[in-house]
C-alpha cells in the first residue's frame, strides 16, 4: 500500500523531562505526537490495514523536505511509530527499510509504501 503524507516531514524529537512535585516526568513533544497521528490518519484514509504480527514488511519512505536538511533516522522513526497498529501491529515487523531524503521546497511531503514480505522457496 502506498500513500503520501502532505506537508513538511517532521523528525521524531527526543522525549522531554520535566519535574512536577519533585518527580521527573517524561513526555513526547507535541510536534512529534501530531506528525505521528497525521501519518496514521493519512494511512487509514488510504485504506492501509495492519499486516498480521507473524509477517514482516518492507517499508519504503521518500522524504521531500524544504529548508534545512533533517536527520534521516529521526524522520523514519516518526513514520514507523505513526504506523504502529495501522500498517503493521508493531514496528518490529519492519524487516527491510528503504529511505531517501530529497529537497523539494515547493512540495514537501513523505511518500510511504508498506509491503508484506513474501517468502520464496529456497
N, C-alpha and C. Protein backbone atom coordinates (compact mmCIF):
# COMPACT_ATOMS: atom_id res chain seq x y z
N UNK A 1 0.85 -1.17 0.00
CA UNK A 1 0.00 0.00 0.00
C UNK A 1 0.90 1.24 0.00
N UNK A 2 0.55 2.19 -0.84
CA UNK A 2 1.33 3.43 -0.95
C UNK A 2 0.44 4.63 -0.66
N UNK A 3 0.97 5.60 0.07
CA UNK A 3 0.24 6.82 0.37
C UNK A 3 1.21 7.97 0.57
N UNK A 4 0.69 9.19 0.49
CA UNK A 4 1.50 10.39 0.65
C UNK A 4 1.01 11.20 1.84
N UNK A 5 1.94 11.57 2.71
CA UNK A 5 1.64 12.43 3.85
C UNK A 5 2.04 13.85 3.41
N UNK A 6 1.06 14.74 3.19
CA UNK A 6 1.38 16.09 2.71
C UNK A 6 2.02 16.95 3.79
N UNK A 7 2.77 17.94 3.34
CA UNK A 7 3.39 18.88 4.27
C UNK A 7 4.79 18.45 4.66
N UNK A 8 5.52 19.34 5.30
CA UNK A 8 6.89 19.05 5.67
C UNK A 8 6.99 17.84 6.61
N UNK A 9 7.89 16.90 6.29
CA UNK A 9 8.13 15.78 7.21
C UNK A 9 8.69 16.30 8.54
N UNK A 10 8.29 15.68 9.63
CA UNK A 10 8.71 16.11 10.96
C UNK A 10 9.55 15.01 11.61
N UNK A 11 10.81 15.30 11.92
CA UNK A 11 11.63 14.28 12.58
C UNK A 11 11.16 14.05 14.02
N UNK A 12 11.30 12.81 14.47
CA UNK A 12 10.93 12.48 15.85
C UNK A 12 11.91 13.16 16.79
N UNK A 13 11.37 13.85 17.76
CA UNK A 13 12.21 14.53 18.75
C UNK A 13 12.32 13.65 20.00
N UNK A 14 13.39 13.85 20.72
CA UNK A 14 13.61 13.10 21.96
C UNK A 14 12.57 13.49 23.01
N UNK A 15 12.23 12.54 23.87
CA UNK A 15 11.29 12.88 24.95
C UNK A 15 11.88 14.00 25.83
N UNK A 16 11.01 14.82 26.35
CA UNK A 16 11.41 15.89 27.27
C UNK A 16 11.10 15.44 28.69
N UNK A 17 11.90 15.92 29.62
CA UNK A 17 11.69 15.57 31.03
C UNK A 17 11.45 16.86 31.81
N UNK A 18 10.37 16.85 32.60
CA UNK A 18 10.06 17.98 33.47
C UNK A 18 9.82 17.45 34.88
N UNK A 19 9.97 18.34 35.86
CA UNK A 19 9.74 17.95 37.25
C UNK A 19 8.44 18.57 37.75
N UNK A 20 7.60 17.72 38.34
CA UNK A 20 6.36 18.15 38.99
C UNK A 20 6.35 17.54 40.38
N UNK A 21 6.21 18.37 41.38
CA UNK A 21 6.12 17.87 42.74
C UNK A 21 7.33 17.02 43.14
N UNK A 22 8.50 17.37 42.64
CA UNK A 22 9.71 16.65 42.99
C UNK A 22 9.95 15.37 42.20
N UNK A 23 9.03 15.03 41.30
CA UNK A 23 9.18 13.83 40.48
C UNK A 23 9.42 14.22 39.02
N UNK A 24 10.25 13.43 38.35
CA UNK A 24 10.52 13.66 36.93
C UNK A 24 9.48 12.93 36.08
N UNK A 25 8.98 13.60 35.07
CA UNK A 25 8.01 13.02 34.14
C UNK A 25 8.52 13.25 32.72
N UNK A 26 8.48 12.20 31.90
CA UNK A 26 8.89 12.31 30.50
C UNK A 26 7.65 12.44 29.63
N UNK A 27 7.76 13.24 28.58
CA UNK A 27 6.66 13.37 27.62
C UNK A 27 7.25 13.56 26.22
N UNK A 28 6.46 13.18 25.24
CA UNK A 28 6.86 13.35 23.84
C UNK A 28 6.42 14.74 23.39
N UNK A 29 7.31 15.50 22.74
CA UNK A 29 6.93 16.84 22.28
C UNK A 29 5.70 16.80 21.36
N UNK A 30 4.84 17.81 21.47
CA UNK A 30 3.57 17.85 20.74
C UNK A 30 3.77 17.78 19.23
N UNK A 31 4.81 18.40 18.71
CA UNK A 31 5.06 18.38 17.26
C UNK A 31 5.25 16.94 16.76
N UNK A 32 5.95 16.13 17.54
CA UNK A 32 6.17 14.73 17.19
C UNK A 32 4.86 13.95 17.27
N UNK A 33 4.11 14.13 18.33
CA UNK A 33 2.83 13.44 18.51
C UNK A 33 1.89 13.79 17.35
N UNK A 34 1.82 15.05 16.99
CA UNK A 34 0.92 15.50 15.92
C UNK A 34 1.30 14.87 14.58
N UNK A 35 2.60 14.82 14.28
CA UNK A 35 3.02 14.25 13.00
C UNK A 35 2.76 12.74 12.95
N UNK A 36 3.05 12.04 14.04
CA UNK A 36 2.78 10.60 14.07
C UNK A 36 1.29 10.33 13.87
N UNK A 37 0.44 11.14 14.48
CA UNK A 37 -1.02 10.99 14.29
C UNK A 37 -1.41 11.28 12.85
N UNK A 38 -0.78 12.28 12.25
CA UNK A 38 -1.07 12.63 10.85
C UNK A 38 -0.71 11.46 9.93
N UNK A 39 0.45 10.85 10.16
CA UNK A 39 0.87 9.69 9.36
C UNK A 39 -0.18 8.58 9.48
N UNK A 40 -0.60 8.28 10.69
CA UNK A 40 -1.60 7.24 10.91
C UNK A 40 -2.94 7.58 10.29
N UNK A 41 -3.36 8.83 10.41
CA UNK A 41 -4.64 9.26 9.84
C UNK A 41 -4.64 9.12 8.33
N UNK A 42 -3.58 9.60 7.67
CA UNK A 42 -3.49 9.50 6.21
C UNK A 42 -3.48 8.03 5.78
N UNK A 43 -2.72 7.21 6.48
CA UNK A 43 -2.67 5.78 6.15
C UNK A 43 -4.06 5.16 6.24
N UNK A 44 -4.78 5.44 7.32
CA UNK A 44 -6.14 4.91 7.47
C UNK A 44 -7.06 5.38 6.35
N UNK A 45 -6.97 6.68 6.02
CA UNK A 45 -7.81 7.25 4.96
C UNK A 45 -7.53 6.59 3.61
N UNK A 46 -6.31 6.10 3.42
CA UNK A 46 -5.93 5.44 2.17
C UNK A 46 -6.20 3.93 2.21
N UNK A 47 -6.79 3.45 3.31
CA UNK A 47 -7.17 2.05 3.40
C UNK A 47 -6.09 1.10 3.87
N UNK A 48 -5.03 1.62 4.45
CA UNK A 48 -3.96 0.75 4.96
C UNK A 48 -4.49 -0.07 6.13
N UNK A 49 -4.21 -1.36 6.11
CA UNK A 49 -4.62 -2.29 7.17
C UNK A 49 -3.37 -2.92 7.78
N UNK A 50 -3.41 -3.26 9.06
CA UNK A 50 -2.23 -3.85 9.70
C UNK A 50 -1.87 -5.22 9.11
N UNK A 51 -0.58 -5.39 8.87
CA UNK A 51 -0.07 -6.69 8.45
C UNK A 51 -0.06 -7.59 9.68
N UNK A 52 -0.51 -8.85 9.55
CA UNK A 52 -0.52 -9.75 10.71
C UNK A 52 0.85 -9.84 11.39
N UNK A 53 0.82 -9.99 12.70
CA UNK A 53 2.03 -9.99 13.55
C UNK A 53 3.08 -10.99 13.09
N UNK A 54 2.68 -12.11 12.54
CA UNK A 54 3.63 -13.15 12.13
C UNK A 54 4.39 -12.79 10.85
N UNK A 55 3.95 -11.77 10.15
CA UNK A 55 4.55 -11.38 8.87
C UNK A 55 5.48 -10.19 9.04
N UNK A 56 6.47 -10.10 8.15
CA UNK A 56 7.35 -8.94 8.11
C UNK A 56 6.98 -8.07 6.91
N UNK A 57 7.39 -6.80 6.99
CA UNK A 57 7.09 -5.86 5.91
C UNK A 57 8.36 -5.16 5.43
N UNK A 58 8.26 -4.65 4.20
CA UNK A 58 9.25 -3.73 3.65
C UNK A 58 8.63 -2.35 3.77
N UNK A 59 9.35 -1.43 4.38
CA UNK A 59 8.89 -0.05 4.49
C UNK A 59 9.81 0.82 3.64
N UNK A 60 9.21 1.54 2.69
CA UNK A 60 9.97 2.47 1.84
C UNK A 60 9.40 3.87 2.06
N UNK A 61 10.28 4.82 2.31
CA UNK A 61 9.83 6.19 2.54
C UNK A 61 10.75 7.16 1.80
N UNK A 62 10.13 8.01 0.99
CA UNK A 62 10.82 9.11 0.32
C UNK A 62 10.39 10.39 1.02
N UNK A 63 11.35 11.08 1.62
CA UNK A 63 11.07 12.34 2.30
C UNK A 63 11.48 13.50 1.40
N UNK A 64 10.53 14.37 1.11
CA UNK A 64 10.80 15.58 0.33
C UNK A 64 10.68 16.74 1.30
N UNK A 65 11.78 17.47 1.50
CA UNK A 65 11.82 18.49 2.54
C UNK A 65 12.12 19.87 1.95
N UNK A 66 11.82 20.89 2.75
CA UNK A 66 12.22 22.25 2.41
C UNK A 66 13.09 22.76 3.56
N UNK A 67 13.92 23.74 3.26
CA UNK A 67 14.75 24.31 4.32
C UNK A 67 15.93 23.43 4.66
N UNK A 68 16.28 23.45 5.93
CA UNK A 68 17.44 22.71 6.42
C UNK A 68 17.23 21.21 6.31
N UNK A 69 18.28 20.49 5.96
CA UNK A 69 18.21 19.03 5.78
C UNK A 69 18.04 18.34 7.14
N UNK A 70 16.93 17.61 7.32
CA UNK A 70 16.68 16.93 8.60
C UNK A 70 17.43 15.59 8.69
N UNK A 71 17.62 15.10 9.91
CA UNK A 71 18.24 13.79 10.13
C UNK A 71 17.31 12.70 9.62
N UNK A 72 17.83 11.86 8.75
CA UNK A 72 17.02 10.84 8.11
C UNK A 72 16.52 9.78 9.10
N UNK A 73 17.34 9.44 10.11
CA UNK A 73 16.93 8.41 11.07
C UNK A 73 15.76 8.90 11.93
N UNK A 74 15.75 10.17 12.28
CA UNK A 74 14.64 10.70 13.08
C UNK A 74 13.37 10.85 12.24
N UNK A 75 13.54 11.15 10.94
CA UNK A 75 12.38 11.22 10.05
C UNK A 75 11.68 9.87 9.97
N UNK A 76 12.45 8.82 9.72
CA UNK A 76 11.83 7.50 9.53
C UNK A 76 11.25 6.96 10.84
N UNK A 77 11.85 7.30 11.97
CA UNK A 77 11.32 6.84 13.26
C UNK A 77 9.91 7.40 13.50
N UNK A 78 9.68 8.65 13.12
CA UNK A 78 8.34 9.24 13.29
C UNK A 78 7.31 8.52 12.42
N UNK A 79 7.69 8.17 11.20
CA UNK A 79 6.77 7.45 10.32
C UNK A 79 6.53 6.04 10.85
N UNK A 80 7.59 5.35 11.26
CA UNK A 80 7.44 3.99 11.77
C UNK A 80 6.53 3.96 12.99
N UNK A 81 6.72 4.88 13.90
CA UNK A 81 5.87 4.92 15.10
C UNK A 81 4.44 5.31 14.74
N UNK A 82 4.28 6.18 13.76
CA UNK A 82 2.94 6.58 13.32
C UNK A 82 2.15 5.45 12.68
N UNK A 83 2.87 4.45 12.15
CA UNK A 83 2.20 3.31 11.50
C UNK A 83 1.94 2.13 12.44
N UNK A 84 2.41 2.20 13.69
CA UNK A 84 2.12 1.13 14.65
C UNK A 84 0.61 0.94 14.77
N UNK A 85 0.18 -0.31 14.70
CA UNK A 85 -1.23 -0.71 14.77
C UNK A 85 -2.04 -0.29 13.54
N UNK A 86 -1.39 0.27 12.52
CA UNK A 86 -2.08 0.71 11.31
C UNK A 86 -1.51 0.00 10.08
N UNK A 87 -0.20 0.12 9.86
CA UNK A 87 0.44 -0.55 8.73
C UNK A 87 0.98 -1.92 9.11
N UNK A 88 1.15 -2.11 10.39
CA UNK A 88 1.63 -3.35 10.98
C UNK A 88 1.25 -3.30 12.46
N UNK A 89 1.28 -4.45 13.10
CA UNK A 89 0.93 -4.49 14.53
C UNK A 89 1.98 -3.75 15.36
N UNK A 90 3.26 -3.94 15.00
CA UNK A 90 4.37 -3.32 15.73
C UNK A 90 5.51 -3.05 14.76
N UNK A 91 6.26 -1.97 14.99
CA UNK A 91 7.33 -1.65 14.05
C UNK A 91 8.48 -2.65 14.04
N UNK A 92 8.47 -3.62 14.96
CA UNK A 92 9.48 -4.69 14.89
C UNK A 92 9.22 -5.64 13.73
N UNK A 93 8.10 -5.47 13.04
CA UNK A 93 7.79 -6.26 11.84
C UNK A 93 8.49 -5.71 10.60
N UNK A 94 9.09 -4.53 10.70
CA UNK A 94 9.81 -3.97 9.56
C UNK A 94 11.12 -4.75 9.42
N UNK A 95 11.15 -5.60 8.39
CA UNK A 95 12.32 -6.45 8.16
C UNK A 95 13.25 -5.88 7.10
N UNK A 96 12.76 -4.90 6.36
CA UNK A 96 13.56 -4.25 5.32
C UNK A 96 13.11 -2.80 5.26
N UNK A 97 14.08 -1.90 5.09
CA UNK A 97 13.80 -0.48 5.15
C UNK A 97 14.54 0.24 4.02
N UNK A 98 13.81 1.06 3.27
CA UNK A 98 14.39 1.88 2.21
C UNK A 98 14.02 3.33 2.50
N UNK A 99 15.03 4.19 2.59
CA UNK A 99 14.79 5.59 2.93
C UNK A 99 15.57 6.49 1.96
N UNK A 100 14.94 7.54 1.52
CA UNK A 100 15.60 8.54 0.67
C UNK A 100 15.10 9.91 1.09
N UNK A 101 16.02 10.86 1.15
CA UNK A 101 15.71 12.24 1.53
C UNK A 101 16.07 13.13 0.34
N UNK A 102 15.10 13.92 -0.12
CA UNK A 102 15.30 14.76 -1.30
C UNK A 102 14.75 16.16 -1.06
N UNK A 103 15.44 17.21 -1.51
CA UNK A 103 14.89 18.55 -1.36
C UNK A 103 13.76 18.80 -2.36
N UNK A 104 12.70 19.42 -1.90
CA UNK A 104 11.59 19.87 -2.75
C UNK A 104 10.85 20.98 -2.01
N UNK A 105 11.41 22.19 -2.01
CA UNK A 105 10.81 23.30 -1.26
C UNK A 105 9.37 23.62 -1.67
N UNK A 106 9.01 23.34 -2.91
CA UNK A 106 7.68 23.68 -3.40
C UNK A 106 6.61 22.69 -2.95
N UNK A 107 7.02 21.44 -2.64
CA UNK A 107 6.03 20.41 -2.30
C UNK A 107 6.60 19.42 -1.28
N UNK A 108 6.84 19.85 -0.03
CA UNK A 108 7.37 18.92 0.96
C UNK A 108 6.33 17.86 1.32
N UNK A 109 6.79 16.61 1.52
CA UNK A 109 5.88 15.50 1.78
C UNK A 109 6.68 14.27 2.12
N UNK A 110 5.98 13.22 2.51
CA UNK A 110 6.57 11.89 2.69
C UNK A 110 5.74 10.91 1.88
N UNK A 111 6.38 10.15 1.02
CA UNK A 111 5.71 9.12 0.23
C UNK A 111 6.09 7.79 0.85
N UNK A 112 5.08 7.06 1.33
CA UNK A 112 5.29 5.85 2.13
C UNK A 112 4.71 4.63 1.43
N UNK A 113 5.48 3.55 1.40
CA UNK A 113 4.99 2.28 0.88
C UNK A 113 5.23 1.21 1.93
N UNK A 114 4.18 0.43 2.23
CA UNK A 114 4.27 -0.70 3.15
C UNK A 114 3.87 -1.94 2.36
N UNK A 115 4.78 -2.91 2.28
CA UNK A 115 4.51 -4.15 1.54
C UNK A 115 4.88 -5.36 2.39
N UNK A 116 4.04 -6.33 2.39
CA UNK A 116 4.33 -7.58 3.10
C UNK A 116 5.46 -8.31 2.39
N UNK A 117 6.41 -8.82 3.16
CA UNK A 117 7.49 -9.62 2.58
C UNK A 117 6.96 -10.99 2.26
N UNK A 118 7.06 -11.35 1.01
CA UNK A 118 6.60 -12.66 0.57
C UNK A 118 7.83 -13.56 0.46
N UNK A 119 7.81 -14.62 1.24
CA UNK A 119 8.95 -15.53 1.22
C UNK A 119 8.86 -16.45 0.02
N UNK A 120 9.99 -16.64 -0.64
CA UNK A 120 10.05 -17.52 -1.78
C UNK A 120 10.76 -18.81 -1.40
N UNK A 121 10.48 -19.86 -2.12
CA UNK A 121 11.13 -21.15 -1.86
C UNK A 121 12.61 -21.04 -2.15
N UNK A 122 13.41 -21.69 -1.32
CA UNK A 122 14.87 -21.63 -1.49
C UNK A 122 15.36 -22.81 -2.26
